[in-house]
Amino acid sequence: MSILRDSAFLPEFGKSGLCDFFIPDRPAVPDMAVLIIHGGGWSAMSKESFEGVALWLSGELGLPVCNINYRLTTESPWPACGDDCLAAADFLLKSSLIPGCPEKRRIFVLGGSAGGHLALMTGLRLPPEKVVGIVSISGIGDLNEDRALDPARYRGLFGHEPSEAEIRNASPASYLTPDSPPIFCTHEFGDIVVPIASAKSFLEAVRKNGTDSETFFYSKPEETGYSHRIWIPGSAPHKLYPEIEAAIASFIKRQTNPHRS
């Protein structure tokens, strides 16, 4: 695997417009890459916090990965981060920086926490034929369910108290169509950062829409501190629990090879 750091997909935004490529020696799927999006409540963290996921996807699953930054809400409110993720997806779909991966490629979009919300918003707003699937790890699916837990997060996201129309326009369910790509959501039952009700409510909208969906809900012992309970404690870079990796890997394999169970 080779790593190409700090490629500019939006050079006008400096560090916020940079991404890292993780390129496997032998791509497992010749025309596919993965866009991954870090969390942090839309207001914190960077691509480096999600590097463990990139290393796993590329090093173990053989998938080219683009790990991105985006403008945080401390720089610019919504829809800046959503727009940046769409620009990064377009950059990845067209980039010639991945050797052996044709330009007419398809992508998975994967993110965690607020990055799960951005993954859903990105994957559902791209042309559906370009998206193989979307993965949300402890992501914010239904904004209203999450806002009930942390209203301040939404004042930070929008830069003011949002209207119902603004919440609706930033909600993934608003972009479901008959052609939406398959969606996979994983969530810990006792998540104290994003309530599992946010994922369940969104998935109910997904089911009503007729979109293919899969879930992996699980329990972990209560940990000290503010946590999604998705990372192996002490791992550096952060590494997902193996059962989460296995569930995501199975979903990816089913979408890239539908005849494989």
C-alpha atoms as a PDB file:
ATOM      1  CA  MET A   1       0.000   0.000   0.000  1.00  0.00           C
ATOM      2  CA  SER A   2       1.158   3.510  -0.790  1.00  0.00           C
ATOM      3  CA  ILE A   3      -0.066   6.762   0.780  1.00  0.00           C
ATOM      4  CA  LEU A   4      -0.298  10.101  -1.013  1.00  0.00           C
ATOM      5  CA  ARG A   5      -0.874  12.821   1.538  1.00  0.00           C
ATOM      6  CA  ASP A   6      -2.370  16.287   1.312  1.00  0.00           C
ATOM      7  CA  SER A   7      -3.765  16.334  -2.206  1.00  0.00           C
ATOM      8  CA  ALA A   8      -5.856  19.460  -2.737  1.00  0.00           C
ATOM      9  CA  PHE A   9      -9.424  18.904  -3.911  1.00  0.00           C
ATOM     10  CA  LEU A  10     -10.464  22.434  -2.897  1.00  0.00           C
ATOM     11  CA  PRO A  11      -7.194  24.397  -2.826  1.00  0.00           C
ATOM     12  CA  GLU A  12      -8.977  27.664  -2.078  1.00  0.00           C
ATOM     13  CA  PHE A  13      -9.797  26.391   1.434  1.00  0.00           C
ATOM     14  CA  GLY A  14      -6.258  25.496   2.466  1.00  0.00           C
ATOM     15  CA  LYS A  15      -5.972  22.618   4.947  1.00  0.00           C
ATOM     16  CA  SER A  16      -9.750  22.135   4.924  1.00  0.00           C
ATOM     17  CA  GLY A  17      -9.589  21.264   1.221  1.00  0.00           C
ATOM     18  CA  LEU A  18      -6.989  18.494   1.532  1.00  0.00           C
ATOM     19  CA  CYS A  19      -7.300  14.724   1.314  1.00  0.00           C
ATOM     20  CA  ASP A  20      -5.056  11.678   1.644  1.00  0.00           C
ATOM     21  CA  PHE A  21      -5.076   8.759  -0.809  1.00  0.00           C
ATOM     22  CA  PHE A  22      -4.445   5.206   0.414  1.00  0.00           C
ATOM     23  CA  ILE A  23      -3.688   3.011  -2.583  1.00  0.00           C
ATOM     24  CA  PRO A  24      -3.476  -0.796  -2.250  1.00  0.00           C
ATOM     25  CA  ASP A  25      -0.826  -2.704  -4.160  1.00  0.00           C
ATOM     26  CA  ARG A  26      -3.527  -4.879  -5.724  1.00  0.00           C
ATOM     27  CA  PRO A  27      -6.981  -3.293  -5.806  1.00  0.00           C
ATOM     28  CA  ALA A  28      -9.658  -5.844  -4.967  1.00  0.00           C
ATOM     29  CA  VAL A  29     -12.235  -4.144  -7.239  1.00  0.00           C
ATOM     30  CA  PRO A  30     -10.746  -2.432 -10.304  1.00  0.00           C
ATOM     31  CA  ASP A  31     -13.280   0.359 -10.809  1.00  0.00           C
ATOM     32  CA  MET A  32     -14.151   1.321  -7.241  1.00  0.00           C
ATOM     33  CA  ALA A  33     -12.827   3.611  -4.503  1.00  0.00           C
ATOM     34  CA  VAL A  34     -14.016   4.681  -1.045  1.00  0.00           C
ATOM     35  CA  LEU A  35     -14.570   8.229   0.198  1.00  0.00           C
ATOM     36  CA  ILE A  36     -14.297   8.393   3.992  1.00  0.00           C
ATOM     37  CA  ILE A  37     -15.430  11.283   6.197  1.00  0.00           C
ATOM     38  CA  HIS A  38     -14.350  11.949   9.775  1.00  0.00           C
ATOM     39  CA  GLY A  39     -16.646  12.958  12.621  1.00  0.00           C
ATOM     40  CA  GLY A  40     -16.352  15.572  15.324  1.00  0.00           C
ATOM     41  CA  GLY A  41     -19.790  17.164  15.523  1.00  0.00           C
ATOM     42  CA  TRP A  42     -19.098  19.033  12.259  1.00  0.00           C
ATOM     43  CA  SER A  43     -16.946  21.377  14.354  1.00  0.00           C
ATOM     44  CA  ALA A  44     -13.788  19.453  15.283  1.00  0.00           C
ATOM     45  CA  MET A  45     -11.215  16.816  14.304  1.00  0.00           C
ATOM     46  CA  SER A  46      -9.616  16.123  10.918  1.00  0.00           C
ATOM     47  CA  LYS A  47      -8.825  13.369   8.428  1.00  0.00           C
ATOM     48  CA  GLU A  48      -6.008  12.140  10.677  1.00  0.00           C
ATOM     49  CA  SER A  49      -8.594  11.036  13.265  1.00  0.00           C
ATOM     50  CA  PHE A  50     -10.060   8.601  10.703  1.00  0.00           C
ATOM     51  CA  GLU A  51      -6.781   7.254   9.345  1.00  0.00           C
ATOM     52  CA  GLY A  52      -7.184   3.896  11.071  1.00  0.00           C
ATOM     53  CA  VAL A  53     -10.293   3.262   8.962  1.00  0.00           C
ATOM     54  CA  ALA A  54      -8.413   4.201   5.791  1.00  0.00           C
ATOM     55  CA  LEU A  55      -5.544   1.843   6.649  1.00  0.00           C
ATOM     56  CA  TRP A  56      -7.985  -1.003   7.256  1.00  0.00           C
ATOM     57  CA  LEU A  57     -10.016  -0.474   4.082  1.00  0.00           C
ATOM     58  CA  SER A  58      -6.950  -0.187   1.900  1.00  0.00           C
ATOM     59  CA  GLY A  59      -4.503  -2.506   3.645  1.00  0.00           C
ATOM     60  CA  GLU A  60      -6.899  -5.348   4.480  1.00  0.00           C
ATOM     61  CA  LEU A  61      -9.771  -5.023   1.992  1.00  0.00           C
ATOM     62  CA  GLY A  62      -7.663  -3.820  -0.956  1.00  0.00           C
ATOM     63  CA  LEU A  63      -9.759  -0.720  -1.679  1.00  0.00           C
ATOM     64  CA  PRO A  64      -8.414   2.665  -2.833  1.00  0.00           C
ATOM     65  CA  VAL A  65      -9.413   5.214  -0.192  1.00  0.00           C
ATOM     66  CA  CYS A  66      -9.707   8.996  -0.160  1.00  0.00           C
ATOM     67  CA  ASN A  67      -9.703  10.367   3.405  1.00  0.00           C
ATOM     68  CA  ILE A  68     -10.843  13.994   3.479  1.00  0.00           C
ATOM     69  CA  ASN A  69     -10.911  17.171   5.478  1.00  0.00           C
ATOM     70  CA  TYR A  70     -13.765  19.646   5.077  1.00  0.00           C
ATOM     71  CA  ARG A  71     -14.625  23.088   6.375  1.00  0.00           C
ATOM     72  CA  LEU A  72     -15.662  22.829  10.012  1.00  0.00           C
ATOM     73  CA  THR A  73     -18.516  24.898  11.350  1.00  0.00           C
ATOM     74  CA  THR A  74     -15.945  26.979  13.226  1.00  0.00           C
ATOM     75  CA  GLU A  75     -14.917  28.210   9.763  1.00  0.00           C
ATOM     76  CA  SER A  76     -18.243  28.260   7.943  1.00  0.00           C
ATOM     77  CA  PRO A  77     -21.743  26.995   8.822  1.00  0.00           C
ATOM     78  CA  TRP A  78     -23.851  24.492   6.923  1.00  0.00           C
ATOM     79  CA  PRO A  79     -23.974  23.825   4.014  1.00  0.00           C
ATOM     80  CA  ALA A  80     -20.179  24.354   3.704  1.00  0.00           C
ATOM     81  CA  CYS A  81     -19.160  20.924   5.051  1.00  0.00           C
ATOM     82  CA  GLY A  82     -21.789  19.188   2.925  1.00  0.00           C
ATOM     83  CA  ASP A  83     -20.706  21.078  -0.184  1.00  0.00           C
ATOM     84  CA  ASP A  84     -17.068  20.165   0.500  1.00  0.00           C
ATOM     85  CA  CYS A  85     -17.901  16.465   0.753  1.00  0.00           C
ATOM     86  CA  LEU A  86     -19.727  16.597  -2.572  1.00  0.00           C
ATOM     87  CA  ALA A  87     -16.703  18.333  -4.118  1.00  0.00           C
ATOM     88  CA  ALA A  88     -14.420  15.654  -2.687  1.00  0.00           C
ATOM     89  CA  ALA A  89     -16.631  12.907  -4.147  1.00  0.00           C
ATOM     90  CA  ASP A  90     -16.488  14.569  -7.569  1.00  0.00           C
ATOM     91  CA  PHE A  91     -12.707  14.881  -7.225  1.00  0.00           C
ATOM     92  CA  LEU A  92     -12.401  11.187  -6.339  1.00  0.00           C
ATOM     93  CA  LEU A  93     -14.668  10.079  -9.168  1.00  0.00           C
ATOM     94  CA  LYS A  94     -12.560  11.985 -11.686  1.00  0.00           C
ATOM     95  CA  SER A  95      -9.074  11.821 -10.152  1.00  0.00           C
ATOM     96  CA  SER A  96      -6.204  10.270 -12.109  1.00  0.00           C
ATOM     97  CA  LEU A  97      -4.142   9.906  -8.911  1.00  0.00           C
ATOM     98  CA  ILE A  98      -5.203   6.289  -8.325  1.00  0.00           C
ATOM     99  CA  PRO A  99      -3.165   4.029 -10.664  1.00  0.00           C
ATOM    100  CA  GLY A 100      -5.005   1.115 -12.211  1.00  0.00           C
ATOM    101  CA  CYS A 101      -8.418   2.487 -11.224  1.00  0.00           C
ATOM    102  CA  PRO A 102     -10.342   3.761 -14.286  1.00  0.00           C
ATOM    103  CA  GLU A 103     -11.691   7.296 -14.229  1.00  0.00           C
ATOM    104  CA  LYS A 104     -15.206   5.954 -14.827  1.00  0.00           C
ATOM    105  CA  ARG A 105     -15.259   4.589 -11.313  1.00  0.00           C
ATOM    106  CA  ARG A 106     -17.891   4.119  -8.662  1.00  0.00           C
ATOM    107  CA  ILE A 107     -17.531   4.887  -4.995  1.00  0.00           C
ATOM    108  CA  PHE A 108     -18.580   3.842  -1.536  1.00  0.00           C
ATOM    109  CA  VAL A 109     -19.145   6.717   0.870  1.00  0.00           C
ATOM    110  CA  LEU A 110     -18.349   5.959   4.508  1.00  0.00           C
ATOM    111  CA  GLY A 111     -18.313   8.171   7.603  1.00  0.00           C
ATOM    112  CA  GLY A 112     -18.650   8.135  11.366  1.00  0.00           C
ATOM    113  CA  SER A 113     -20.729  10.239  13.753  1.00  0.00           C
ATOM    114  CA  ALA A 114     -21.239  13.658  12.091  1.00  0.00           C
ATOM    115  CA  GLY A 115     -19.229  12.114   9.253  1.00  0.00           C
ATOM    116  CA  GLY A 116     -21.934   9.446   9.030  1.00  0.00           C
ATOM    117  CA  HIS A 117     -24.451  12.211   8.417  1.00  0.00           C
ATOM    118  CA  LEU A 118     -22.154  13.698   5.774  1.00  0.00           C
ATOM    119  CA  ALA A 119     -21.687  10.271   4.173  1.00  0.00           C
ATOM    120  CA  LEU A 120     -25.453   9.838   3.900  1.00  0.00           C
ATOM    121  CA  MET A 121     -25.947  13.363   2.569  1.00  0.00           C
ATOM    122  CA  THR A 122     -23.151  12.888   0.039  1.00  0.00           C
ATOM    123  CA  GLY A 123     -24.116   9.436  -1.184  1.00  0.00           C
ATOM    124  CA  LEU A 124     -27.792  10.308  -1.512  1.00  0.00           C
ATOM    125  CA  ARG A 125     -27.100  13.499  -3.492  1.00  0.00           C
ATOM    126  CA  LEU A 126     -24.665  11.986  -5.992  1.00  0.00           C
ATOM    127  CA  PRO A 127     -25.861  10.344  -9.224  1.00  0.00           C
ATOM    128  CA  PRO A 128     -27.031   6.927  -7.958  1.00  0.00           C
ATOM    129  CA  GLU A 129     -25.166   5.038 -10.665  1.00  0.00           C
ATOM    130  CA  LYS A 130     -21.913   6.391  -9.212  1.00  0.00           C
ATOM    131  CA  VAL A 131     -22.545   5.143  -5.658  1.00  0.00           C
ATOM    132  CA  VAL A 132     -22.131   1.467  -4.799  1.00  0.00           C
ATOM    133  CA  GLY A 133     -23.263   1.965  -1.219  1.00  0.00           C
ATOM    134  CA  ILE A 134     -23.235   4.202   1.843  1.00  0.00           C
ATOM    135  CA  VAL A 135     -21.937   3.280   5.304  1.00  0.00           C
ATOM    136  CA  SER A 136     -22.834   5.275   8.429  1.00  0.00           C
ATOM    137  CA  ILE A 137     -20.921   4.347  11.601  1.00  0.00           C
ATOM    138  CA  SER A 138     -22.806   5.679  14.635  1.00  0.00           C
ATOM    139  CA  GLY A 139     -23.955   8.429  12.317  1.00  0.00           C
ATOM    140  CA  ILE A 140     -26.574  11.134  12.665  1.00  0.00           C
ATOM    141  CA  GLY A 141     -29.426   9.868  10.503  1.00  0.00           C
ATOM    142  CA  ASP A 142     -32.489  11.701  11.793  1.00  0.00           C
ATOM    143  CA  LEU A 143     -31.446  15.223  12.807  1.00  0.00           C
ATOM    144  CA  ASN A 144     -34.506  15.828  14.978  1.00  0.00           C
ATOM    145  CA  GLU A 145     -33.802  12.760  17.130  1.00  0.00           C
ATOM    146  CA  ASP A 146     -30.222  13.929  17.645  1.00  0.00           C
ATOM    147  CA  ARG A 147     -31.201  17.574  18.188  1.00  0.00           C
ATOM    148  CA  ALA A 148     -33.395  16.514  21.095  1.00  0.00           C
ATOM    149  CA  LEU A 149     -30.221  15.300  22.819  1.00  0.00           C
ATOM    150  CA  ASP A 150     -27.946  18.206  21.886  1.00  0.00           C
ATOM    151  CA  PRO A 151     -29.696  21.347  20.580  1.00  0.00           C
ATOM    152  CA  ALA A 152     -26.468  23.371  20.824  1.00  0.00           C
ATOM    153  CA  ARG A 153     -24.898  21.139  18.178  1.00  0.00           C
ATOM    154  CA  TYR A 154     -27.415  22.473  15.667  1.00  0.00           C
ATOM    155  CA  ARG A 155     -26.941  26.092  16.580  1.00  0.00           C
ATOM    156  CA  GLY A 156     -23.279  25.426  15.865  1.00  0.00           C
ATOM    157  CA  LEU A 157     -24.027  23.624  12.596  1.00  0.00           C
ATOM    158  CA  PHE A 158     -26.167  26.426  11.165  1.00  0.00           C
ATOM    159  CA  GLY A 159     -24.667  29.392  13.013  1.00  0.00           C
ATOM    160  CA  HIS A 160     -28.113  30.217  14.453  1.00  0.00           C
ATOM    161  CA  GLU A 161     -31.238  28.518  15.747  1.00  0.00           C
ATOM    162  CA  PRO A 162     -32.316  26.525  12.679  1.00  0.00           C
ATOM    163  CA  SER A 163     -35.799  26.554  11.228  1.00  0.00           C
ATOM    164  CA  GLU A 164     -37.678  23.348  10.540  1.00  0.00           C
ATOM    165  CA  ALA A 165     -37.095  23.916   6.819  1.00  0.00           C
ATOM    166  CA  GLU A 166     -33.332  24.153   7.395  1.00  0.00           C
ATOM    167  CA  ILE A 167     -33.353  20.944   9.429  1.00  0.00           C
ATOM    168  CA  ARG A 168     -35.366  19.198   6.719  1.00  0.00           C
ATOM    169  CA  ASN A 169     -33.007  20.368   3.966  1.00  0.00           C
ATOM    170  CA  ALA A 170     -30.017  19.012   5.908  1.00  0.00           C
ATOM    171  CA  SER A 171     -31.692  15.660   6.652  1.00  0.00           C
ATOM    172  CA  PRO A 172     -30.616  12.573   4.660  1.00  0.00           C
ATOM    173  CA  ALA A 173     -34.167  11.208   4.457  1.00  0.00           C
ATOM    174  CA  SER A 174     -35.146  14.247   2.376  1.00  0.00           C
ATOM    175  CA  TYR A 175     -32.920  12.958  -0.444  1.00  0.00           C
ATOM    176  CA  LEU A 176     -34.147   9.383  -0.675  1.00  0.00           C
ATOM    177  CA  THR A 177     -35.380   8.443  -4.146  1.00  0.00           C
ATOM    178  CA  PRO A 178     -36.487   5.200  -5.800  1.00  0.00           C
ATOM    179  CA  ASP A 179     -32.915   4.840  -7.120  1.00  0.00           C
ATOM    180  CA  SER A 180     -31.055   5.477  -3.862  1.00  0.00           C
ATOM    181  CA  PRO A 181     -28.038   3.190  -3.293  1.00  0.00           C
ATOM    182  CA  PRO A 182     -27.907   0.537  -0.559  1.00  0.00           C
ATOM    183  CA  ILE A 183     -27.338   1.875   2.956  1.00  0.00           C
ATOM    184  CA  PHE A 184     -25.619   0.258   5.929  1.00  0.00           C
ATOM    185  CA  CYS A 185     -25.891   1.681   9.457  1.00  0.00           C
ATOM    186  CA  THR A 186     -23.990   0.460  12.480  1.00  0.00           C
ATOM    187  CA  HIS A 187     -24.692   1.788  15.982  1.00  0.00           C
ATOM    188  CA  GLU A 188     -24.103   0.889  19.620  1.00  0.00           C
ATOM    189  CA  PHE A 189     -27.283   0.619  21.687  1.00  0.00           C
ATOM    190  CA  GLY A 190     -25.961   2.789  24.503  1.00  0.00           C
ATOM    191  CA  ASP A 191     -24.239   5.443  22.370  1.00  0.00           C
ATOM    192  CA  ILE A 192     -24.149   8.626  24.455  1.00  0.00           C
ATOM    193  CA  VAL A 193     -22.878  10.890  21.655  1.00  0.00           C
ATOM    194  CA  VAL A 194     -25.507  10.192  18.969  1.00  0.00           C
ATOM    195  CA  PRO A 195     -28.620   8.318  20.147  1.00  0.00           C
ATOM    196  CA  ILE A 196     -29.409   5.095  18.346  1.00  0.00           C
ATOM    197  CA  ALA A 197     -32.934   6.507  17.848  1.00  0.00           C
ATOM    198  CA  SER A 198     -31.402   8.815  15.223  1.00  0.00           C
ATOM    199  CA  ALA A 199     -30.327   5.797  13.177  1.00  0.00           C
ATOM    200  CA  LYS A 200     -33.552   3.851  13.751  1.00  0.00           C
ATOM    201  CA  SER A 201     -35.784   6.746  12.726  1.00  0.00           C
ATOM    202  CA  PHE A 202     -33.769   7.335   9.556  1.00  0.00           C
ATOM    203  CA  LEU A 203     -33.798   3.622   8.720  1.00  0.00           C
ATOM    204  CA  GLU A 204     -37.580   3.569   9.039  1.00  0.00           C
ATOM    205  CA  ALA A 205     -37.697   6.239   6.312  1.00  0.00           C
ATOM    206  CA  VAL A 206     -35.269   4.151   4.255  1.00  0.00           C
ATOM    207  CA  ARG A 207     -37.487   1.077   4.558  1.00  0.00           C
ATOM    208  CA  LYS A 208     -40.611   3.036   3.639  1.00  0.00           C
ATOM    209  CA  ASN A 209     -38.752   4.315   0.578  1.00  0.00           C
ATOM    210  CA  GLY A 210     -37.970   0.734  -0.484  1.00  0.00           C
ATOM    211  CA  THR A 211     -34.209   1.286  -0.409  1.00  0.00           C
ATOM    212  CA  ASP A 212     -31.994  -1.699   0.375  1.00  0.00           C
ATOM    213  CA  SER A 213     -30.609  -1.351   3.888  1.00  0.00           C
ATOM    214  CA  GLU A 214     -28.700  -3.342   6.454  1.00  0.00           C
ATOM    215  CA  THR A 215     -27.893  -2.737  10.101  1.00  0.00           C
ATOM    216  CA  PHE A 216     -25.440  -3.862  12.735  1.00  0.00           C
ATOM    217  CA  PHE A 217     -26.561  -2.851  16.208  1.00  0.00           C
ATOM    218  CA  TYR A 218     -24.505  -4.050  19.168  1.00  0.00           C
ATOM    219  CA  SER A 219     -23.729  -3.499  22.859  1.00  0.00           C
ATOM    220  CA  LYS A 220     -20.447  -2.687  24.575  1.00  0.00           C
ATOM    221  CA  PRO A 221     -19.662  -2.277  28.267  1.00  0.00           C
ATOM    222  CA  GLU A 222     -20.000   1.297  29.461  1.00  0.00           C
ATOM    223  CA  GLU A 223     -16.745   3.191  29.039  1.00  0.00           C
ATOM    224  CA  THR A 224     -15.442   6.168  30.943  1.00  0.00           C
ATOM    225  CA  GLY A 225     -15.813   9.438  29.056  1.00  0.00           C
ATOM    226  CA  TYR A 226     -17.705  10.679  26.039  1.00  0.00           C
ATOM    227  CA  SER A 227     -17.766   7.851  23.518  1.00  0.00           C
ATOM    228  CA  HIS A 228     -19.572   6.185  20.629  1.00  0.00           C
ATOM    229  CA  ARG A 229     -17.990   2.867  21.683  1.00  0.00           C
ATOM    230  CA  ILE A 230     -16.699   2.161  18.178  1.00  0.00           C
ATOM    231  CA  TRP A 231     -12.918   2.335  18.699  1.00  0.00           C
ATOM    232  CA  ILE A 232     -10.698  -0.269  20.356  1.00  0.00           C
ATOM    233  CA  PRO A 233      -9.508   1.515  23.526  1.00  0.00           C
ATOM    234  CA  GLY A 234      -5.897   2.647  23.257  1.00  0.00           C
ATOM    235  CA  SER A 235      -5.609   1.958  19.522  1.00  0.00           C
ATOM    236  CA  ALA A 236      -3.481   4.454  17.609  1.00  0.00           C
ATOM    237  CA  PRO A 237      -4.496   5.336  15.027  1.00  0.00           C
ATOM    238  CA  HIS A 238      -8.052   4.616  16.140  1.00  0.00           C
ATOM    239  CA  LYS A 239      -9.159   1.162  15.015  1.00  0.00           C
ATOM    240  CA  LEU A 240     -12.755  -0.016  14.848  1.00  0.00           C
ATOM    241  CA  TYR A 241     -13.804  -3.002  16.919  1.00  0.00           C
ATOM    242  CA  PRO A 242     -13.302  -6.166  14.811  1.00  0.00           C
ATOM    243  CA  GLU A 243     -17.002  -7.017  14.770  1.00  0.00           C
ATOM    244  CA  ILE A 244     -17.783  -3.596  13.263  1.00  0.00           C
ATOM    245  CA  GLU A 245     -15.082  -4.096  10.631  1.00  0.00           C
ATOM    246  CA  ALA A 246     -16.455  -7.555   9.826  1.00  0.00           C
ATOM    247  CA  ALA A 247     -20.006  -6.267   9.414  1.00  0.00           C
ATOM    248  CA  ILE A 248     -18.903  -3.402   7.142  1.00  0.00           C
ATOM    249  CA  ALA A 249     -16.644  -5.710   5.118  1.00  0.00           C
ATOM    250  CA  SER A 250     -19.534  -8.127   4.545  1.00  0.00           C
ATOM    251  CA  PHE A 251     -21.775  -5.302   3.348  1.00  0.00           C
ATOM    252  CA  ILE A 252     -19.103  -4.018   0.941  1.00  0.00           C
ATOM    253  CA  LYS A 253     -18.509  -7.511  -0.448  1.00  0.00           C
ATOM    254  CA  ARG A 254     -22.220  -8.063  -0.984  1.00  0.00           C
ATOM    255  CA  GLN A 255     -22.506  -4.851  -2.971  1.00  0.00           C
ATOM    256  CA  THR A 256     -19.409  -5.466  -5.101  1.00  0.00           C
ATOM    257  CA  ASN A 257     -20.230  -9.148  -5.617  1.00  0.00           C
ATOM    258  CA  PRO A 258     -23.983  -9.648  -5.161  1.00  0.00           C
ATOM    259  CA  HIS A 259     -23.670 -13.414  -5.759  1.00  0.00           C
ATOM    260  CA  ARG A 260     -21.438 -13.731  -2.688  1.00  0.00           C
ATOM    261  CA  SER A 261     -23.254 -14.193   0.627  1.00  0.00           C
END
